[in-house]
Amino acid sequence: MLKQRFLIQFGSGIFLKILGMASSIVVARIAGPSVIGTIAFGMAFASLFTVITGLWGTPHIKIISEGVSIKQAMGVFIRLKSLTMLLFLVLAFSWAHFFQEVFFNDSFTESQLMVIDVSILAVISHQLVKFGNTTFQARMEQLKANLPDLLKGLTFNIGRVVVVLLGFTAVGLIVWDLISSIVGVAITIYFLRKLPMGKFSSSLAKKYWNYAKPLILFMIVTVSVKYLDKVILKFFTTEEELGYYAVAFSLGGMLLLIKSQIGVIFFPLFAKYISDGSPEKLSRVVNSYIELVLFIIFPVVAGISLAGFPIIDILYGAEYRASAIPFMILIGSSFLTLVGQPFGNIVTGAGKFYHFTWISTIKSLLFFITLYFLLSPRYFGLGAIGLAIAVFFSQIVEISVSQFYAKRMVKVNFWQSKYLYFVVSVLILGLFFWIQINFKFYDSYWSIPYAIAAVALITGFLFFTKTINPELLGHLGQIGSVKKLKSYISKELTKNKDNE
């Protein structure tokens, strides 16, 4: 049923991403880059404080995968999560209204405070949905884990088009985000009420804390990389420039969503394989996954990159042309995260949270050093392009270091000789870029048929060398099997809870 869990995780995530991109196109065209940048700043600032609330998710998955009863685990998890959510609200509001001026001698304007305050409430509503999401991920019940987010996403993305058409701007759109989250919270409560919740156990809470301690630094650096970059970009530039980057990230970061969907499946699965002493099963899953990414996804990524300018023009209009280059770079960095995703999950699945923290720390330090030089007007002053380059560089660092640690932990060779054909595919893409730039038609609509030709050539090469073979296509077909998906959904919904 692994492939069906992938399909549910991918299917719901990709559906929401496509719906989100469609609605964001309408919103961006009507509202303009400044409004998009204002929303991105408010939500990024508020999300910085999720470093407090995010400590317990990974320990919760790890503890349930070790066999602790759901009753005992929920009794501790819900109380710990509730406490940190309360701390989130206190610290976030205090920083926005008081500490910002105390520590930085700078205060937000009244309009900025309004955006930030509503953003804080929206972010905490997202955290409420994660109460059930984390638990069902740990139990590998993908349908229950995804349904609250799916319904929330439907409500939000359809409704925000109406909101912007009615004339509301940044505050109105964030308020709608908050309202739509209530839908997800309601579904979460419905599923969670069927699970038993025991009393608080200080010994089990200590175990949660022991798993969480090495994650503190990890959460700080991860949340910083994810959100602080946008705050820094706004500091060095404007809301408008942040709006250009937000559009590029929304479109170019589409593969980053797939990364997060993979992670919630791989982590508990790899933890089980490592605990059972089954490196051969782990190796088989990882190699099959890497083949799909390198040989099925890459040709599509290559085509999208080559057609970056006309894609932005068609979807968002000429007003957002400054988003094109960041978009093309972010597509590449997103692809790198897909390739490297299993290695990070092996490290955490082995319980080596300190190792993973160091990986994230090394990545973030190099990221922010690079970011400063690329954004600062004293040096390169590249704005949104500079941020995209820094993200790309940081992904190279992460995949290199995490693969090194993963190989040492499970003593498995993850790379095969057939992956050399991927290198050839990259060289073909490089040649197409060289021709496109030298003949100066990278920003014209001729890039679209040109990109299609590149995809056809790379895919044809992979078929000719039998890199794309019946076995690989079989894996792809099994992931998309409707019959097996229906069987998995039926099994999950009818699972006997008396055995918990």
Protein backbone atom coordinates (compact mmCIF):
# COMPACT_ATOMS: atom_id res chain seq x y z
CA MET A 1 0.00 0.00 0.00
CA LEU A 2 3.05 2.30 -0.04
CA LYS A 3 2.36 3.49 -3.57
CA GLN A 4 -1.24 4.29 -2.63
CA ARG A 5 -0.08 6.34 0.34
CA PHE A 6 2.17 8.20 -2.08
CA LEU A 7 -0.76 8.80 -4.42
CA ILE A 8 -2.99 10.16 -1.66
CA GLN A 9 -0.19 12.34 -0.32
CA PHE A 10 0.88 13.50 -3.78
CA GLY A 11 -2.61 13.67 -5.20
CA SER A 12 -4.10 15.90 -2.53
CA GLY A 13 -0.96 18.02 -2.32
CA ILE A 14 -0.58 18.50 -6.04
CA PHE A 15 -4.31 19.17 -6.46
CA LEU A 16 -4.13 21.91 -3.83
CA LYS A 17 -0.97 23.29 -5.41
CA ILE A 18 -2.58 23.50 -8.84
CA LEU A 19 -5.72 25.05 -7.35
CA GLY A 20 -3.57 27.42 -5.30
CA MET A 21 -1.54 28.47 -8.33
CA ALA A 22 -4.72 29.07 -10.34
CA SER A 23 -6.25 31.23 -7.63
CA SER A 24 -2.95 33.02 -6.96
CA ILE A 25 -2.74 33.98 -10.64
CA VAL A 26 -6.13 35.69 -10.42
CA VAL A 27 -5.26 37.33 -7.11
CA ALA A 28 -1.83 38.47 -8.30
CA ARG A 29 -3.18 39.93 -11.54
CA ILE A 30 -5.86 41.92 -9.71
CA ALA A 31 -4.02 42.89 -6.52
CA GLY A 32 -0.55 43.59 -7.93
CA PRO A 33 2.95 42.74 -6.63
CA SER A 34 2.86 45.18 -3.69
CA VAL A 35 -0.19 43.53 -2.12
CA ILE A 36 1.28 40.07 -2.72
CA GLY A 37 4.50 41.21 -1.08
CA THR A 38 2.64 42.66 1.91
CA ILE A 39 0.85 39.35 2.50
CA ALA A 40 4.10 37.40 2.08
CA PHE A 41 5.83 39.63 4.63
CA GLY A 42 3.04 39.37 7.23
CA MET A 43 2.75 35.59 6.98
CA ALA A 44 6.55 35.12 6.95
CA PHE A 45 6.98 37.28 10.05
CA ALA A 46 4.23 35.43 11.94
CA SER A 47 5.53 32.04 10.83
CA LEU A 48 8.96 32.74 12.32
CA PHE A 49 7.47 31.97 15.73
CA THR A 50 6.34 28.48 14.71
CA VAL A 51 9.80 27.42 15.87
CA ILE A 52 8.04 27.09 19.24
CA THR A 53 5.09 24.99 18.09
CA GLY A 54 7.00 22.69 15.72
CA LEU A 55 9.10 20.86 18.29
CA TRP A 56 6.72 17.99 19.03
CA GLY A 57 5.71 16.67 15.60
CA THR A 58 8.81 14.60 14.82
CA PRO A 59 9.08 13.12 18.36
CA HIS A 60 5.36 12.24 18.16
CA ILE A 61 5.85 10.33 14.90
CA LYS A 62 8.96 8.62 16.26
CA ILE A 63 7.28 7.58 19.55
CA ILE A 64 4.19 6.16 17.84
CA SER A 65 6.37 4.28 15.32
CA GLU A 66 8.16 2.70 18.31
CA GLY A 67 4.92 1.13 19.50
CA VAL A 68 3.72 3.46 22.26
CA SER A 69 -0.07 3.26 22.45
CA ILE A 70 -1.98 6.05 20.79
CA LYS A 71 -3.83 6.71 24.05
CA GLN A 72 -0.63 7.38 25.99
CA ALA A 73 0.95 9.38 23.17
CA MET A 74 -2.06 11.64 22.62
CA GLY A 75 -2.35 12.34 26.35
CA VAL A 76 1.10 13.91 26.30
CA PHE A 77 1.25 15.30 22.75
CA ILE A 78 -1.94 17.37 22.92
CA ARG A 79 -0.93 18.98 26.20
CA LEU A 80 2.59 19.80 25.04
CA LYS A 81 1.32 21.17 21.73
CA SER A 82 -1.33 23.32 23.45
CA LEU A 83 1.24 24.84 25.79
CA THR A 84 3.61 25.79 22.96
CA MET A 85 0.76 27.26 20.90
CA LEU A 86 -0.09 29.54 23.83
CA LEU A 87 3.57 30.58 24.05
CA PHE A 88 3.50 31.26 20.29
CA LEU A 89 0.65 33.76 20.67
CA VAL A 90 2.25 35.55 23.61
CA LEU A 91 5.67 35.87 21.99
CA ALA A 92 4.45 36.76 18.48
CA PHE A 93 2.14 39.57 19.61
CA SER A 94 4.70 40.84 22.15
CA TRP A 95 7.44 40.99 19.55
CA ALA A 96 5.33 42.80 16.98
CA HIS A 97 4.01 45.40 19.43
CA PHE A 98 6.92 45.81 21.85
CA PHE A 99 10.19 43.90 21.34
CA GLN A 100 10.64 44.98 17.70
CA GLU A 101 11.20 48.55 18.88
CA VAL A 102 13.19 47.56 21.98
CA PHE A 103 15.73 45.36 20.17
CA PHE A 104 15.88 46.98 16.73
CA ASN A 105 14.86 50.56 17.52
CA ASP A 106 12.30 50.19 14.77
CA SER A 107 8.54 49.88 15.02
CA PHE A 108 5.95 48.74 12.52
CA THR A 109 3.45 51.16 11.06
CA GLU A 110 -0.21 50.86 12.00
CA SER A 111 -1.06 49.21 8.68
CA GLN A 112 1.86 46.78 9.00
CA LEU A 113 0.74 45.86 12.54
CA MET A 114 -2.76 45.13 11.28
CA VAL A 115 -1.37 42.74 8.64
CA ILE A 116 0.96 41.09 11.17
CA ASP A 117 -1.73 40.66 13.85
CA VAL A 118 -4.13 38.96 11.46
CA SER A 119 -1.26 36.85 10.09
CA ILE A 120 -0.44 35.61 13.60
CA LEU A 121 -4.03 34.43 14.06
CA ALA A 122 -4.01 32.77 10.64
CA VAL A 123 -0.77 30.93 11.36
CA ILE A 124 -2.01 29.63 14.73
CA SER A 125 -5.13 28.33 12.99
CA HIS A 126 -2.85 26.38 10.63
CA GLN A 127 -1.17 24.88 13.69
CA LEU A 128 -4.52 23.70 15.03
CA VAL A 129 -5.03 21.64 11.87
CA LYS A 130 -1.67 19.96 12.49
CA PHE A 131 -2.93 18.42 15.73
CA GLY A 132 -4.44 15.54 13.79
CA ASN A 133 -2.20 15.77 10.75
CA THR A 134 0.92 14.67 12.64
CA THR A 135 -0.84 11.82 14.44
CA PHE A 136 -2.29 10.28 11.30
CA GLN A 137 1.01 10.66 9.45
CA ALA A 138 2.63 8.64 12.24
CA ARG A 139 -0.03 5.94 11.81
CA MET A 140 0.45 6.07 8.01
CA GLU A 141 -3.24 6.92 7.56
CA GLN A 142 -2.72 9.32 4.72
CA LEU A 143 -6.38 9.97 3.98
CA LYS A 144 -7.14 11.26 7.47
CA ALA A 145 -3.89 13.21 7.54
CA ASN A 146 -4.65 15.01 4.27
CA LEU A 147 -8.41 15.57 4.33
CA PRO A 148 -8.44 18.57 6.74
CA ASP A 149 -5.80 20.38 4.66
CA LEU A 150 -7.63 19.44 1.46
CA LEU A 151 -10.96 20.92 2.58
CA LYS A 152 -9.26 23.97 4.07
CA GLY A 153 -7.34 24.49 0.82
CA LEU A 154 -10.49 24.19 -1.27
CA THR A 155 -12.29 26.75 0.87
CA PHE A 156 -9.37 29.15 0.91
CA ASN A 157 -8.38 29.06 -2.75
CA ILE A 158 -11.90 29.33 -4.13
CA GLY A 159 -12.88 32.00 -1.61
CA ARG A 160 -9.85 34.24 -1.98
CA VAL A 161 -10.69 34.85 -5.63
CA VAL A 162 -14.09 36.13 -4.52
CA VAL A 163 -12.46 38.20 -1.76
CA VAL A 164 -10.10 40.00 -4.13
CA LEU A 165 -12.85 40.52 -6.71
CA LEU A 166 -14.88 42.25 -4.00
CA GLY A 167 -12.05 44.75 -3.61
CA PHE A 168 -10.34 43.50 -0.45
CA THR A 169 -6.56 43.55 -0.37
CA ALA A 170 -3.90 42.21 2.04
CA VAL A 171 -5.85 42.21 5.33
CA GLY A 172 -9.00 40.83 3.72
CA LEU A 173 -7.11 37.97 2.07
CA ILE A 174 -5.37 36.99 5.32
CA VAL A 175 -8.67 37.16 7.23
CA TRP A 176 -10.14 34.74 4.68
CA ASP A 177 -7.17 32.44 5.28
CA LEU A 178 -8.08 32.46 8.97
CA ILE A 179 -11.76 31.77 8.29
CA SER A 180 -11.04 28.91 5.89
CA SER A 181 -8.74 27.30 8.48
CA ILE A 182 -11.77 26.80 10.73
CA VAL A 183 -13.01 24.23 8.18
CA GLY A 184 -9.79 22.24 8.53
CA VAL A 185 -9.92 22.51 12.32
CA ALA A 186 -13.48 21.13 12.36
CA ILE A 187 -12.48 18.05 10.33
CA THR A 188 -9.40 17.56 12.51
CA ILE A 189 -11.53 17.56 15.66
CA TYR A 190 -13.97 15.11 14.07
CA PHE A 191 -11.20 12.57 13.39
CA LEU A 192 -9.36 13.14 16.66
CA ARG A 193 -12.43 12.63 18.85
CA LYS A 194 -12.42 8.97 17.80
CA LEU A 195 -8.95 8.46 19.25
CA PRO A 196 -8.47 7.76 22.96
CA MET A 197 -6.55 10.31 25.02
CA GLY A 198 -4.85 9.23 28.22
CA LYS A 199 -3.58 11.18 31.19
CA PHE A 200 -0.43 13.23 31.17
CA SER A 201 2.65 11.09 31.79
CA SER A 202 5.77 12.86 33.02
CA SER A 203 7.99 9.93 31.98
CA LEU A 204 6.60 9.92 28.44
CA ALA A 205 6.80 13.72 28.33
CA LYS A 206 10.47 13.40 29.23
CA LYS A 207 10.89 11.01 26.30
CA TYR A 208 9.23 13.59 24.01
CA TRP A 209 11.60 16.21 25.36
CA ASN A 210 14.66 13.99 24.85
CA TYR A 211 13.72 13.61 21.18
CA ALA A 212 12.84 17.31 20.91
CA LYS A 213 16.04 18.73 22.44
CA PRO A 214 18.27 18.09 19.43
CA LEU A 215 15.51 19.54 17.23
CA ILE A 216 15.56 22.98 18.90
CA LEU A 217 18.49 24.22 16.86
CA PHE A 218 17.12 22.37 13.85
CA MET A 219 13.75 24.14 14.16
CA ILE A 220 15.45 27.52 14.55
CA VAL A 221 17.54 27.13 11.43
CA THR A 222 14.78 25.44 9.39
CA VAL A 223 12.14 28.05 10.20
CA SER A 224 14.68 30.81 9.62
CA VAL A 225 15.60 29.48 6.18
CA LYS A 226 11.94 29.06 5.30
CA TYR A 227 10.65 32.46 6.45
CA LEU A 228 13.40 34.85 7.56
CA ASP A 229 14.72 35.14 4.00
CA LYS A 230 11.51 36.89 2.95
CA VAL A 231 11.70 39.28 5.89
CA ILE A 232 15.32 40.08 4.99
CA LEU A 233 14.41 40.57 1.32
CA LYS A 234 11.75 43.07 2.39
CA PHE A 235 14.33 44.83 4.62
CA PHE A 236 16.80 45.27 1.75
CA THR A 237 14.23 46.02 -0.95
CA THR A 238 10.45 46.64 -1.05
CA GLU A 239 7.11 44.88 -0.76
CA GLU A 240 6.97 44.95 -4.55
CA GLU A 241 10.27 43.05 -4.91
CA LEU A 242 9.07 40.55 -2.31
CA GLY A 243 5.90 40.21 -4.37
CA TYR A 244 7.96 39.26 -7.43
CA TYR A 245 9.78 36.63 -5.39
CA ALA A 246 6.54 35.35 -3.83
CA VAL A 247 5.08 34.75 -7.30
CA ALA A 248 8.30 33.04 -8.46
CA PHE A 249 8.33 30.86 -5.34
CA SER A 250 4.65 29.98 -5.66
CA LEU A 251 5.24 28.71 -9.18
CA GLY A 252 8.87 27.61 -9.04
CA GLY A 253 8.53 26.07 -5.62
CA MET A 254 5.86 23.62 -6.77
CA LEU A 255 8.28 20.73 -6.36
CA LEU A 256 9.01 21.79 -2.78
CA LEU A 257 5.46 20.77 -1.98
CA ILE A 258 6.18 17.30 -3.34
CA LYS A 259 9.23 17.18 -1.07
CA SER A 260 7.10 17.76 2.02
CA GLN A 261 4.59 15.15 0.89
CA ILE A 262 7.38 12.59 0.43
CA GLY A 263 8.87 13.35 3.81
CA VAL A 264 5.75 12.59 5.83
CA ILE A 265 5.66 9.11 4.25
CA PHE A 266 9.39 8.33 4.20
CA PHE A 267 10.12 9.30 7.81
CA PRO A 268 7.91 6.74 9.63
CA LEU A 269 8.60 4.14 6.91
CA PHE A 270 12.38 4.51 7.13
CA ALA A 271 12.23 4.55 10.92
CA LYS A 272 10.51 1.14 10.75
CA TYR A 273 12.98 -0.31 8.22
CA ILE A 274 15.98 0.85 10.25
CA SER A 275 14.45 -0.42 13.50
CA ASP A 276 13.75 -3.81 11.85
CA GLY A 277 17.25 -4.04 10.41
CA SER A 278 16.05 -4.09 6.78
CA PRO A 279 18.55 -1.97 4.81
CA GLU A 280 17.77 -3.85 1.59
CA LYS A 281 14.12 -2.75 1.71
CA LEU A 282 15.19 0.82 2.40
CA SER A 283 17.68 0.74 -0.47
CA ARG A 284 15.06 -0.61 -2.87
CA VAL A 285 12.57 2.15 -2.01
CA VAL A 286 15.20 4.90 -2.27
CA ASN A 287 16.61 3.71 -5.59
CA SER A 288 13.16 3.35 -7.16
CA TYR A 289 12.30 6.84 -5.96
CA ILE A 290 15.53 8.41 -7.27
CA GLU A 291 14.98 6.82 -10.69
CA LEU A 292 11.50 8.33 -10.90
CA VAL A 293 12.85 11.78 -9.99
CA LEU A 294 15.90 11.74 -12.27
CA PHE A 295 14.33 10.17 -15.32
CA ILE A 296 10.64 11.06 -15.20
CA ILE A 297 10.49 14.41 -13.40
CA PHE A 298 13.72 15.98 -14.67
CA PRO A 299 12.75 16.23 -18.37
CA VAL A 300 9.61 18.14 -17.34
CA VAL A 301 11.63 20.43 -15.06
CA ALA A 302 14.06 21.06 -17.93
CA GLY A 303 11.24 22.12 -20.25
CA ILE A 304 9.68 24.43 -17.66
CA SER A 305 13.05 26.11 -17.03
CA LEU A 306 13.63 26.81 -20.71
CA ALA A 307 10.18 28.38 -21.08
CA GLY A 308 10.35 30.45 -17.89
CA PHE A 309 9.78 33.91 -19.38
CA PRO A 310 6.74 33.09 -21.53
CA ILE A 311 5.23 31.03 -18.70
CA ILE A 312 5.35 34.07 -16.39
CA ASP A 313 4.05 36.35 -19.14
CA ILE A 314 1.11 34.08 -19.96
CA LEU A 315 0.12 33.32 -16.37
CA TYR A 316 0.81 36.58 -14.52
CA GLY A 317 1.28 39.21 -17.21
CA ALA A 318 4.15 41.52 -18.16
CA GLU A 319 3.89 43.26 -14.77
CA TYR A 320 5.53 40.20 -13.20
CA ARG A 321 8.32 39.68 -15.74
CA ALA A 322 10.84 40.34 -12.95
CA SER A 323 9.69 37.02 -11.46
CA ALA A 324 10.90 34.96 -14.46
CA ILE A 325 14.57 34.45 -13.59
CA PRO A 326 13.89 33.71 -9.89
CA PHE A 327 11.22 31.25 -11.07
CA MET A 328 13.67 29.41 -13.33
CA ILE A 329 16.28 29.18 -10.57
CA LEU A 330 13.74 28.00 -7.99
CA ILE A 331 12.54 25.22 -10.29
CA GLY A 332 16.10 23.90 -10.27
CA SER A 333 16.48 24.19 -6.50
CA SER A 334 13.13 22.47 -6.00
CA PHE A 335 14.31 19.57 -8.13
CA LEU A 336 17.44 19.23 -6.00
CA THR A 337 15.34 18.98 -2.84
CA LEU A 338 13.41 16.11 -4.40
CA VAL A 339 16.59 14.19 -5.15
CA GLY A 340 17.95 14.68 -1.64
CA GLN A 341 14.75 14.13 0.33
CA PRO A 342 15.25 10.41 1.19
CA PHE A 343 18.70 11.04 2.70
CA GLY A 344 17.42 13.47 5.29
CA ASN A 345 14.59 11.09 6.14
CA ILE A 346 17.09 8.26 6.66
CA VAL A 347 19.02 10.40 9.15
CA THR A 348 15.89 11.30 11.13
CA GLY A 349 14.41 7.81 10.73
CA ALA A 350 17.54 6.46 12.42
CA GLY A 351 16.86 8.79 15.34
CA LYS A 352 20.02 10.82 14.61
CA PHE A 353 18.36 14.17 15.19
CA TYR A 354 21.60 15.81 16.28
CA HIS A 355 23.16 14.89 12.93
CA PHE A 356 20.19 16.31 11.07
CA THR A 357 20.41 19.46 13.15
CA TRP A 358 24.03 19.93 12.14
CA ILE A 359 23.13 19.38 8.50
CA SER A 360 20.49 22.11 8.76
CA THR A 361 22.85 24.39 10.68
CA ILE A 362 25.61 24.12 8.09
CA LYS A 363 23.07 24.74 5.33
CA SER A 364 21.51 27.77 7.03
CA LEU A 365 24.80 29.44 7.94
CA LEU A 366 26.04 29.23 4.37
CA PHE A 367 22.60 30.27 3.11
CA PHE A 368 22.40 33.47 5.15
CA ILE A 369 26.02 34.43 4.51
CA THR A 370 25.42 33.99 0.78
CA LEU A 371 22.08 35.79 1.04
CA TYR A 372 23.58 38.84 2.70
CA PHE A 373 26.16 39.37 -0.02
CA LEU A 374 23.65 38.73 -2.80
CA LEU A 375 21.00 41.11 -1.36
CA SER A 376 23.04 43.91 0.22
CA PRO A 377 23.29 47.04 -1.98
CA ARG A 378 26.93 47.30 -0.83
CA TYR A 379 27.73 44.12 -2.78
CA PHE A 380 25.52 42.56 -5.49
CA GLY A 381 22.04 43.95 -4.68
CA LEU A 382 20.31 41.25 -6.71
CA GLY A 383 16.95 41.33 -4.92
CA ALA A 384 14.63 38.42 -5.73
CA ILE A 385 17.20 36.85 -8.07
CA GLY A 386 19.77 36.88 -5.27
CA LEU A 387 17.40 35.13 -2.88
CA ALA A 388 16.65 32.45 -5.49
CA ILE A 389 20.39 31.86 -6.08
CA ALA A 390 20.98 31.54 -2.33
CA VAL A 391 18.19 28.94 -2.10
CA PHE A 392 19.72 26.96 -4.98
CA PHE A 393 23.15 27.00 -3.37
CA SER A 394 21.78 25.92 0.02
CA GLN A 395 20.04 22.91 -1.55
CA ILE A 396 23.34 21.73 -3.05
CA VAL A 397 24.90 21.93 0.42
CA GLU A 398 22.01 20.05 2.05
CA ILE A 399 21.90 17.17 -0.43
CA SER A 400 25.68 16.70 -0.26
CA VAL A 401 25.95 16.61 3.53
CA SER A 402 22.77 14.59 4.19
CA GLN A 403 23.74 11.96 1.60
CA PHE A 404 27.14 11.60 3.29
CA TYR A 405 25.59 10.98 6.72
CA ALA A 406 22.85 8.67 5.39
CA LYS A 407 25.37 6.43 3.63
CA ARG A 408 27.42 6.10 6.80
CA MET A 409 24.37 5.19 8.89
CA VAL A 410 22.80 2.43 6.81
CA LYS A 411 25.87 1.22 4.86
CA VAL A 412 23.96 1.21 1.58
CA ASN A 413 25.12 2.43 -1.83
CA PHE A 414 22.35 4.69 -3.10
CA TRP A 415 23.89 5.62 -6.45
CA GLN A 416 23.93 3.38 -9.49
CA SER A 417 25.90 3.56 -12.75
CA LYS A 418 22.70 4.24 -14.70
CA TYR A 419 22.50 7.65 -12.99
CA LEU A 420 25.30 8.77 -15.32
CA TYR A 421 22.59 9.09 -17.98
CA PHE A 422 21.13 11.84 -15.82
CA VAL A 423 24.43 13.74 -16.13
CA VAL A 424 24.10 13.50 -19.91
CA SER A 425 20.54 14.85 -19.62
CA VAL A 426 21.85 17.84 -17.67
CA LEU A 427 24.50 18.48 -20.33
CA ILE A 428 21.79 18.41 -23.02
CA LEU A 429 19.80 20.97 -21.03
CA GLY A 430 22.92 23.13 -20.66
CA LEU A 431 23.42 23.08 -24.42
CA PHE A 432 19.83 24.18 -25.00
CA PHE A 433 20.29 27.06 -22.54
CA TRP A 434 23.52 28.12 -24.27
CA ILE A 435 21.81 28.25 -27.66
CA GLN A 436 18.80 30.10 -26.21
CA ILE A 437 20.94 32.78 -24.53
CA ASN A 438 23.38 33.27 -27.42
CA PHE A 439 20.60 33.67 -29.98
CA LYS A 440 18.68 35.88 -27.51
CA PHE A 441 15.22 34.36 -27.70
CA TYR A 442 15.01 33.23 -24.04
CA ASP A 443 12.30 35.81 -23.34
CA SER A 444 10.22 35.20 -26.47
CA TYR A 445 7.31 32.85 -27.09
CA TRP A 446 9.58 30.78 -29.33
CA SER A 447 10.92 29.39 -26.06
CA ILE A 448 7.79 27.26 -25.68
CA PRO A 449 8.22 25.01 -28.77
CA TYR A 450 11.96 25.10 -28.09
CA ALA A 451 11.36 23.76 -24.56
CA ILE A 452 9.05 21.03 -25.89
CA ALA A 453 11.80 19.97 -28.30
CA ALA A 454 14.26 19.78 -25.40
CA VAL A 455 11.90 17.60 -23.35
CA ALA A 456 11.38 15.31 -26.35
CA LEU A 457 15.13 15.00 -26.97
CA ILE A 458 15.99 14.26 -23.31
CA THR A 459 13.13 11.78 -22.95
CA GLY A 460 14.02 10.15 -26.28
CA PHE A 461 17.62 9.78 -25.15
CA LEU A 462 16.49 8.09 -21.89
CA PHE A 463 14.23 5.70 -23.79
CA PHE A 464 16.96 4.94 -26.35
CA THR A 465 19.43 4.04 -23.60
CA LYS A 466 16.68 1.98 -21.88
CA THR A 467 17.03 4.13 -18.78
CA ILE A 468 13.27 4.59 -18.92
CA ASN A 469 12.27 0.93 -19.05
CA PRO A 470 9.14 -1.16 -18.43
CA GLU A 471 10.07 -1.63 -14.77
CA LEU A 472 10.31 2.11 -14.16
CA LEU A 473 7.06 2.74 -16.04
CA GLY A 474 5.51 -0.07 -13.99
CA HIS A 475 6.34 1.76 -10.76
CA LEU A 476 4.73 4.87 -12.19
CA GLY A 477 1.65 2.90 -13.25
CA GLN A 478 1.26 1.30 -9.83
CA ILE A 479 1.34 4.72 -8.15
CA GLY A 480 -1.55 5.76 -10.38
CA SER A 481 -3.61 2.59 -9.95
CA VAL A 482 -7.18 3.66 -9.13
CA LYS A 483 -8.11 0.11 -8.08
CA LYS A 484 -5.29 -0.10 -5.53
CA LEU A 485 -6.04 3.41 -4.31
CA LYS A 486 -9.69 2.51 -3.64
CA SER A 487 -8.57 -0.61 -1.79
CA TYR A 488 -6.20 1.43 0.39
CA ILE A 489 -8.84 4.06 1.22
CA SER A 490 -11.37 1.37 2.13
CA LYS A 491 -8.85 -0.39 4.36
CA GLU A 492 -7.89 2.80 6.17
CA LEU A 493 -11.45 3.97 6.80
CA THR A 494 -12.55 0.59 8.13
CA LYS A 495 -9.46 0.01 10.28
CA ASN A 496 -10.37 -1.43 13.66
CA LYS A 497 -9.53 1.14 16.31
CA ASP A 498 -9.85 -1.43 19.11
CA ASN A 499 -6.34 -2.63 18.33
CA GLU A 500 -4.74 0.77 18.94
